[in-house]
């Protein structure tokens, strides 16, 4: 129940890089596209929530923000090489967050 939170440590921590773009915004919510260039634990959640990042926790993130009906974080696309066949696999799923952001 008491999962560890990650910290920002400029002296001993590992580098974490996330590229982002604002896709839509209203009075209460902002829809972002996030591209992690590194794979640190909770990287996207930390970069959104931390005051030295965007200072804006992901909706429903009870560890770094406020609990909600779900965590509004979705991988829209993922690619990898299949470990058995060696084939490159690519999957996409459009975002379903239009119910949150009313343009």
N, C-alpha and C. Protein backbone atom coordinates (compact mmCIF):
# COMPACT_ATOMS: atom_id res chain seq x y z
N UNK A 1 0.82 -1.20 0.00
CA UNK A 1 0.00 0.00 0.00
C UNK A 1 0.86 1.26 0.00
N UNK A 2 2.06 1.19 0.53
CA UNK A 2 2.92 2.37 0.61
C UNK A 2 4.05 2.24 -0.40
N UNK A 3 3.69 2.36 -1.67
CA UNK A 3 4.68 2.21 -2.74
C UNK A 3 5.70 3.33 -2.68
N UNK A 4 6.94 3.03 -3.06
CA UNK A 4 7.97 4.07 -3.00
C UNK A 4 7.78 5.12 -4.09
N UNK A 5 7.92 6.36 -3.70
CA UNK A 5 7.92 7.46 -4.65
C UNK A 5 9.35 7.65 -5.12
N UNK A 6 9.49 8.13 -6.33
CA UNK A 6 10.80 8.41 -6.87
C UNK A 6 11.20 9.84 -6.49
N UNK A 7 12.50 10.12 -6.49
CA UNK A 7 12.99 11.45 -6.14
C UNK A 7 13.85 11.98 -7.27
N UNK A 8 14.06 13.28 -7.25
CA UNK A 8 14.99 13.93 -8.16
C UNK A 8 16.29 14.12 -7.39
N UNK A 9 17.37 13.56 -7.91
CA UNK A 9 18.68 13.66 -7.26
C UNK A 9 19.70 14.03 -8.32
N UNK A 10 20.07 15.32 -8.38
CA UNK A 10 20.99 15.80 -9.41
C UNK A 10 22.42 15.32 -9.21
N UNK A 11 22.77 14.88 -8.01
CA UNK A 11 24.14 14.41 -7.75
C UNK A 11 24.31 12.93 -8.06
N UNK A 12 23.39 12.08 -7.60
CA UNK A 12 23.56 10.64 -7.76
C UNK A 12 22.52 10.00 -8.69
N UNK A 13 21.51 10.76 -9.09
CA UNK A 13 20.44 10.20 -9.90
C UNK A 13 20.84 10.00 -11.35
N UNK A 14 20.07 9.20 -12.06
CA UNK A 14 20.30 8.96 -13.48
C UNK A 14 19.54 10.00 -14.29
N UNK A 15 20.07 10.31 -15.44
CA UNK A 15 19.46 11.29 -16.34
C UNK A 15 18.13 10.74 -16.88
N UNK A 16 17.12 11.59 -16.95
CA UNK A 16 15.82 11.22 -17.49
C UNK A 16 15.36 12.33 -18.44
N UNK A 17 15.00 11.95 -19.65
CA UNK A 17 14.61 12.94 -20.66
C UNK A 17 13.23 12.58 -21.22
N UNK A 18 12.34 13.56 -21.21
CA UNK A 18 11.01 13.40 -21.79
C UNK A 18 10.73 14.62 -22.67
N UNK A 19 10.35 14.37 -23.90
CA UNK A 19 9.90 15.42 -24.80
C UNK A 19 8.38 15.49 -24.67
N UNK A 20 7.80 16.69 -24.75
CA UNK A 20 6.35 16.80 -24.64
C UNK A 20 5.81 17.88 -25.56
N UNK A 21 4.52 17.78 -25.84
CA UNK A 21 3.82 18.79 -26.63
C UNK A 21 2.39 18.92 -26.08
N UNK A 22 1.91 20.15 -25.94
CA UNK A 22 0.53 20.39 -25.53
C UNK A 22 -0.36 20.20 -26.75
N UNK A 23 -1.32 19.28 -26.64
CA UNK A 23 -2.24 18.99 -27.74
C UNK A 23 -3.54 19.78 -27.63
N UNK A 24 -4.02 19.96 -26.40
CA UNK A 24 -5.26 20.69 -26.18
C UNK A 24 -5.28 21.16 -24.73
N UNK A 25 -6.08 22.19 -24.49
CA UNK A 25 -6.14 22.76 -23.15
C UNK A 25 -7.51 23.40 -22.95
N UNK A 26 -8.04 23.27 -21.73
CA UNK A 26 -9.24 24.01 -21.36
C UNK A 26 -9.00 24.64 -19.99
N UNK A 27 -10.03 25.06 -19.30
CA UNK A 27 -9.85 25.75 -18.01
C UNK A 27 -9.31 24.85 -16.91
N UNK A 28 -9.50 23.54 -17.02
CA UNK A 28 -9.13 22.65 -15.92
C UNK A 28 -8.13 21.56 -16.29
N UNK A 29 -7.98 21.23 -17.58
CA UNK A 29 -7.13 20.12 -17.97
C UNK A 29 -6.28 20.47 -19.18
N UNK A 30 -5.15 19.78 -19.30
CA UNK A 30 -4.26 19.92 -20.45
C UNK A 30 -3.97 18.54 -20.98
N UNK A 31 -4.15 18.35 -22.28
CA UNK A 31 -3.84 17.07 -22.93
C UNK A 31 -2.44 17.17 -23.51
N UNK A 32 -1.56 16.26 -23.10
CA UNK A 32 -0.17 16.27 -23.54
C UNK A 32 0.17 15.03 -24.34
N UNK A 33 1.10 15.18 -25.25
CA UNK A 33 1.77 14.04 -25.88
C UNK A 33 3.15 13.98 -25.22
N UNK A 34 3.53 12.81 -24.74
CA UNK A 34 4.81 12.63 -24.04
C UNK A 34 5.64 11.59 -24.79
N UNK A 35 6.92 11.89 -24.97
CA UNK A 35 7.84 10.94 -25.60
C UNK A 35 9.03 10.74 -24.67
N UNK A 36 9.05 9.62 -23.93
CA UNK A 36 10.21 9.37 -23.05
C UNK A 36 11.41 8.92 -23.89
N UNK A 37 12.54 9.57 -23.69
CA UNK A 37 13.77 9.18 -24.39
C UNK A 37 14.64 8.28 -23.52
N UNK A 38 14.29 8.19 -22.25
CA UNK A 38 14.94 7.28 -21.32
C UNK A 38 13.82 6.48 -20.65
N UNK A 39 14.16 5.47 -19.92
CA UNK A 39 13.13 4.61 -19.33
C UNK A 39 13.26 4.49 -17.83
N UNK A 40 13.15 5.60 -17.14
CA UNK A 40 13.26 5.57 -15.68
C UNK A 40 11.91 5.24 -15.04
N UNK A 41 11.98 4.66 -13.85
CA UNK A 41 10.77 4.33 -13.09
C UNK A 41 9.97 5.60 -12.83
N UNK A 42 8.70 5.58 -13.17
CA UNK A 42 7.76 6.69 -12.95
C UNK A 42 8.18 7.96 -13.69
N UNK A 43 8.99 7.82 -14.73
CA UNK A 43 9.54 9.00 -15.42
C UNK A 43 8.47 9.99 -15.88
N UNK A 44 7.46 9.52 -16.60
CA UNK A 44 6.44 10.43 -17.11
C UNK A 44 5.63 11.04 -15.98
N UNK A 45 5.32 10.24 -14.98
CA UNK A 45 4.55 10.73 -13.84
C UNK A 45 5.33 11.78 -13.06
N UNK A 46 6.62 11.56 -12.88
CA UNK A 46 7.48 12.52 -12.17
C UNK A 46 7.65 13.80 -12.99
N UNK A 47 7.92 13.67 -14.28
CA UNK A 47 8.14 14.86 -15.10
C UNK A 47 6.89 15.72 -15.18
N UNK A 48 5.73 15.11 -15.13
CA UNK A 48 4.49 15.89 -15.12
C UNK A 48 4.25 16.54 -13.75
N UNK A 49 4.43 15.79 -12.69
CA UNK A 49 4.04 16.26 -11.35
C UNK A 49 5.07 17.17 -10.68
N UNK A 50 6.35 16.93 -10.88
CA UNK A 50 7.39 17.62 -10.12
C UNK A 50 7.42 19.12 -10.42
N UNK A 51 7.68 19.91 -9.38
CA UNK A 51 7.72 21.37 -9.57
C UNK A 51 8.84 21.82 -10.51
N UNK A 52 9.89 21.02 -10.66
CA UNK A 52 10.95 21.36 -11.61
C UNK A 52 10.66 20.77 -13.00
N UNK A 53 9.54 20.09 -13.12
CA UNK A 53 9.08 19.60 -14.41
C UNK A 53 7.92 20.47 -14.86
N UNK A 54 6.79 19.85 -15.17
CA UNK A 54 5.62 20.61 -15.61
C UNK A 54 4.77 21.12 -14.44
N UNK A 55 4.96 20.53 -13.25
CA UNK A 55 4.19 20.96 -12.09
C UNK A 55 2.70 20.69 -12.23
N UNK A 56 2.37 19.62 -12.95
CA UNK A 56 0.98 19.32 -13.28
C UNK A 56 0.79 17.81 -13.29
N UNK A 57 0.40 17.20 -12.16
CA UNK A 57 0.29 15.74 -12.09
C UNK A 57 -0.70 15.18 -13.11
N UNK A 58 -0.46 13.97 -13.54
CA UNK A 58 -1.38 13.28 -14.44
C UNK A 58 -2.68 13.01 -13.69
N UNK A 59 -3.79 13.25 -14.34
CA UNK A 59 -5.10 13.05 -13.75
C UNK A 59 -5.23 11.60 -13.24
N UNK A 60 -5.63 11.45 -12.00
CA UNK A 60 -5.81 10.13 -11.41
C UNK A 60 -4.55 9.51 -10.83
N UNK A 61 -3.44 10.25 -10.80
CA UNK A 61 -2.18 9.71 -10.27
C UNK A 61 -2.17 9.89 -8.75
N UNK A 62 -2.60 8.86 -8.03
CA UNK A 62 -2.70 8.97 -6.57
C UNK A 62 -1.35 9.01 -5.87
N UNK A 63 -0.27 8.60 -6.54
CA UNK A 63 1.05 8.62 -5.92
C UNK A 63 1.68 10.02 -5.97
N UNK A 64 1.52 10.73 -7.06
CA UNK A 64 2.14 12.04 -7.23
C UNK A 64 1.12 13.17 -7.36
N UNK A 65 -0.15 12.85 -7.37
CA UNK A 65 -1.19 13.85 -7.51
C UNK A 65 -2.39 13.49 -6.67
N UNK A 66 -3.55 13.34 -7.32
CA UNK A 66 -4.80 13.04 -6.63
C UNK A 66 -5.46 11.83 -7.25
N UNK A 67 -5.95 10.94 -6.40
CA UNK A 67 -6.62 9.74 -6.88
C UNK A 67 -7.86 10.11 -7.70
N UNK A 68 -8.10 9.31 -8.73
CA UNK A 68 -9.27 9.51 -9.58
C UNK A 68 -9.88 8.16 -9.91
N UNK A 69 -10.78 8.14 -10.86
CA UNK A 69 -11.42 6.89 -11.25
C UNK A 69 -10.45 5.97 -11.99
N UNK A 70 -9.36 6.54 -12.52
CA UNK A 70 -8.30 5.78 -13.19
C UNK A 70 -7.11 6.69 -13.41
N UNK A 71 -5.99 6.12 -13.81
CA UNK A 71 -4.82 6.91 -14.18
C UNK A 71 -4.95 7.24 -15.67
N UNK A 72 -4.99 8.51 -15.98
CA UNK A 72 -5.17 8.96 -17.37
C UNK A 72 -3.82 9.07 -18.07
N UNK A 73 -3.20 7.92 -18.24
CA UNK A 73 -1.93 7.79 -18.93
C UNK A 73 -2.06 6.60 -19.85
N UNK A 74 -1.82 6.80 -21.14
CA UNK A 74 -2.00 5.72 -22.12
C UNK A 74 -0.87 5.74 -23.14
N UNK A 75 -0.31 4.57 -23.41
CA UNK A 75 0.63 4.44 -24.52
C UNK A 75 -0.18 4.41 -25.81
N UNK A 76 0.00 5.41 -26.63
CA UNK A 76 -0.73 5.48 -27.89
C UNK A 76 -0.10 4.59 -28.95
N UNK A 77 1.21 4.39 -28.84
CA UNK A 77 1.92 3.52 -29.79
C UNK A 77 3.10 2.88 -29.08
N UNK A 78 3.40 1.65 -29.48
CA UNK A 78 4.55 0.95 -28.94
C UNK A 78 5.15 0.08 -30.04
N UNK A 79 6.47 0.04 -30.08
CA UNK A 79 7.19 -0.79 -31.06
C UNK A 79 8.27 -1.56 -30.33
N UNK A 80 8.50 -2.79 -30.75
CA UNK A 80 9.57 -3.59 -30.18
C UNK A 80 9.88 -4.74 -31.13
N UNK A 81 11.02 -5.35 -30.93
CA UNK A 81 11.40 -6.53 -31.70
C UNK A 81 10.95 -7.76 -30.92
N UNK A 82 10.17 -8.62 -31.57
CA UNK A 82 9.65 -9.82 -30.92
C UNK A 82 10.82 -10.71 -30.50
N UNK A 83 10.86 -11.14 -29.24
CA UNK A 83 12.02 -11.90 -28.75
C UNK A 83 12.19 -13.28 -29.39
N UNK A 84 11.14 -13.85 -29.92
CA UNK A 84 11.25 -15.18 -30.52
C UNK A 84 11.43 -15.11 -32.03
N UNK A 85 10.59 -14.33 -32.70
CA UNK A 85 10.63 -14.29 -34.16
C UNK A 85 11.62 -13.27 -34.71
N UNK A 86 12.00 -12.28 -33.91
CA UNK A 86 12.89 -11.24 -34.38
C UNK A 86 12.19 -10.18 -35.24
N UNK A 87 10.87 -10.35 -35.43
CA UNK A 87 10.10 -9.39 -36.21
C UNK A 87 9.85 -8.11 -35.43
N UNK A 88 9.89 -6.97 -36.15
CA UNK A 88 9.54 -5.71 -35.51
C UNK A 88 8.02 -5.65 -35.39
N UNK A 89 7.54 -5.39 -34.19
CA UNK A 89 6.11 -5.31 -33.90
C UNK A 89 5.77 -3.85 -33.62
N UNK A 90 4.62 -3.41 -34.10
CA UNK A 90 4.18 -2.04 -33.86
C UNK A 90 2.67 -2.05 -33.63
N UNK A 91 2.23 -1.41 -32.55
CA UNK A 91 0.82 -1.35 -32.20
C UNK A 91 0.45 0.09 -31.89
N UNK A 92 -0.75 0.49 -32.32
CA UNK A 92 -1.25 1.84 -32.05
C UNK A 92 -2.68 1.77 -31.54
N UNK A 93 -3.01 2.69 -30.65
CA UNK A 93 -4.36 2.80 -30.12
C UNK A 93 -4.65 4.29 -29.91
N UNK A 94 -5.63 4.85 -30.62
CA UNK A 94 -5.93 6.27 -30.46
C UNK A 94 -6.32 6.60 -29.02
N UNK A 95 -6.02 7.80 -28.61
CA UNK A 95 -6.36 8.27 -27.26
C UNK A 95 -7.87 8.33 -27.09
N UNK A 96 -8.32 8.02 -25.89
CA UNK A 96 -9.74 8.09 -25.56
C UNK A 96 -10.00 9.18 -24.53
N UNK A 97 -9.21 10.24 -24.58
CA UNK A 97 -9.32 11.29 -23.56
C UNK A 97 -10.16 12.47 -24.00
N UNK A 98 -10.87 12.36 -25.12
CA UNK A 98 -11.70 13.46 -25.59
C UNK A 98 -12.81 13.80 -24.62
N UNK A 99 -13.20 12.85 -23.76
CA UNK A 99 -14.25 13.12 -22.78
C UNK A 99 -13.76 14.03 -21.66
N UNK A 100 -12.44 14.16 -21.51
CA UNK A 100 -11.86 15.02 -20.48
C UNK A 100 -11.66 16.44 -21.02
N UNK A 101 -11.11 16.52 -22.23
CA UNK A 101 -10.82 17.82 -22.85
C UNK A 101 -11.94 18.15 -23.82
N UNK A 102 -12.66 19.20 -23.53
CA UNK A 102 -13.72 19.68 -24.44
C UNK A 102 -13.15 20.90 -25.14
N UNK A 103 -12.84 20.74 -26.40
CA UNK A 103 -12.13 21.79 -27.15
C UNK A 103 -12.98 23.02 -27.36
